[in-house]
């Protein structure tokens, strides 16, 4: 899972957060 845009990381969404929590 690579983040091509740093902006995506800046935006905190529930979807990616759930993946990180897993």
PDB file of N, CA and C in Angstrom:
ATOM      1  N   UNK A   1       0.854  -1.215   0.000  1.00  0.00           N
ATOM      2  CA  UNK A   1       0.000   0.000   0.000  1.00  0.00           C
ATOM      3  C   UNK A   1       0.884   1.258   0.000  1.00  0.00           C
ATOM      4  N   UNK A   2       1.036   1.859  -1.143  1.00  0.00           N
ATOM      5  CA  UNK A   2       1.885   3.074  -1.212  1.00  0.00           C
ATOM      6  C   UNK A   2       1.013   4.312  -1.343  1.00  0.00           C
ATOM      7  N   UNK A   3       1.404   5.383  -0.690  1.00  0.00           N
ATOM      8  CA  UNK A   3       0.619   6.637  -0.791  1.00  0.00           C
ATOM      9  C   UNK A   3       1.263   7.580  -1.809  1.00  0.00           C
ATOM     10  N   UNK A   4       0.713   7.661  -3.011  1.00  0.00           N
ATOM     11  CA  UNK A   4       1.279   8.507  -4.062  1.00  0.00           C
ATOM     12  C   UNK A   4       1.160   9.986  -3.718  1.00  0.00           C
ATOM     13  N   UNK A   5       0.114  10.346  -2.979  1.00  0.00           N
ATOM     14  CA  UNK A   5      -0.072  11.770  -2.633  1.00  0.00           C
ATOM     15  C   UNK A   5      -0.075  11.962  -1.111  1.00  0.00           C
ATOM     16  N   UNK A   6       0.716  12.885  -0.623  1.00  0.00           N
ATOM     17  CA  UNK A   6       0.781  13.166   0.820  1.00  0.00           C
ATOM     18  C   UNK A   6      -0.549  13.715   1.314  1.00  0.00           C
ATOM     19  N   UNK A   7      -1.314  14.322   0.418  1.00  0.00           N
ATOM     20  CA  UNK A   7      -2.614  14.899   0.812  1.00  0.00           C
ATOM     21  C   UNK A   7      -3.520  13.806   1.382  1.00  0.00           C
ATOM     22  N   UNK A   8      -3.473  12.640   0.770  1.00  0.00           N
ATOM     23  CA  UNK A   8      -4.329  11.539   1.231  1.00  0.00           C
ATOM     24  C   UNK A   8      -4.060  11.267   2.707  1.00  0.00           C
ATOM     25  N   UNK A   9      -2.781  11.324   3.074  1.00  0.00           N
ATOM     26  CA  UNK A   9      -2.427  11.067   4.477  1.00  0.00           C
ATOM     27  C   UNK A   9      -2.965  12.185   5.376  1.00  0.00           C
ATOM     28  N   UNK A  10      -2.953  13.405   4.821  1.00  0.00           N
ATOM     29  CA  UNK A  10      -3.424  14.547   5.616  1.00  0.00           C
ATOM     30  C   UNK A  10      -4.911  14.371   5.922  1.00  0.00           C
ATOM     31  N   UNK A  11      -5.642  13.857   4.940  1.00  0.00           N
ATOM     32  CA  UNK A  11      -7.097  13.658   5.134  1.00  0.00           C
ATOM     33  C   UNK A  11      -7.332  12.416   5.972  1.00  0.00           C
ATOM     34  N   UNK A  12      -7.905  12.572   7.136  1.00  0.00           N
ATOM     35  CA  UNK A  12      -8.132  11.387   7.998  1.00  0.00           C
ATOM     36  C   UNK A  12      -9.521  10.802   7.717  1.00  0.00           C
ATOM     37  N   UNK A  13      -9.543   9.669   7.038  1.00  0.00           N
ATOM     38  CA  UNK A  13     -10.844   9.034   6.724  1.00  0.00           C
ATOM     39  C   UNK A  13     -11.032   7.783   7.584  1.00  0.00           C
ATOM     40  N   UNK A  14     -12.268   7.394   7.822  1.00  0.00           N
ATOM     41  CA  UNK A  14     -12.568   6.206   8.632  1.00  0.00           C
ATOM     42  C   UNK A  14     -12.120   4.919   7.922  1.00  0.00           C
ATOM     43  N   UNK A  15     -12.111   4.928   6.603  1.00  0.00           N
ATOM     44  CA  UNK A  15     -11.721   3.716   5.867  1.00  0.00           C
ATOM     45  C   UNK A  15     -10.261   3.335   6.130  1.00  0.00           C
ATOM     46  N   UNK A  16      -9.312   4.233   5.843  1.00  0.00           N
ATOM     47  CA  UNK A  16      -7.899   3.922   6.062  1.00  0.00           C
ATOM     48  C   UNK A  16      -7.605   3.716   7.551  1.00  0.00           C
ATOM     49  N   UNK A  17      -8.290   4.465   8.386  1.00  0.00           N
ATOM     50  CA  UNK A  17      -8.054   4.342   9.837  1.00  0.00           C
ATOM     51  C   UNK A  17      -8.364   2.914  10.276  1.00  0.00           C
ATOM     52  N   UNK A  18      -9.448   2.360   9.755  1.00  0.00           N
ATOM     53  CA  UNK A  18      -9.844   0.997  10.142  1.00  0.00           C
ATOM     54  C   UNK A  18      -8.774   0.002   9.712  1.00  0.00           C
ATOM     55  N   UNK A  19      -8.214   0.235   8.524  1.00  0.00           N
ATOM     56  CA  UNK A  19      -7.178  -0.683   8.024  1.00  0.00           C
ATOM     57  C   UNK A  19      -5.960  -0.623   8.937  1.00  0.00           C
ATOM     58  N   UNK A  20      -5.591   0.567   9.326  1.00  0.00           N
ATOM     59  CA  UNK A  20      -4.406   0.739  10.183  1.00  0.00           C
ATOM     60  C   UNK A  20      -4.660   0.051  11.532  1.00  0.00           C
ATOM     61  N   UNK A  21      -5.882   0.156  12.020  1.00  0.00           N
ATOM     62  CA  UNK A  21      -6.218  -0.440  13.335  1.00  0.00           C
ATOM     63  C   UNK A  21      -6.145  -1.954  13.264  1.00  0.00           C
ATOM     64  N   UNK A  22      -6.513  -2.523  12.107  1.00  0.00           N
ATOM     65  CA  UNK A  22      -6.550  -3.989  12.009  1.00  0.00           C
ATOM     66  C   UNK A  22      -5.267  -4.588  12.468  1.00  0.00           C
TER      67      UNK A  22
END
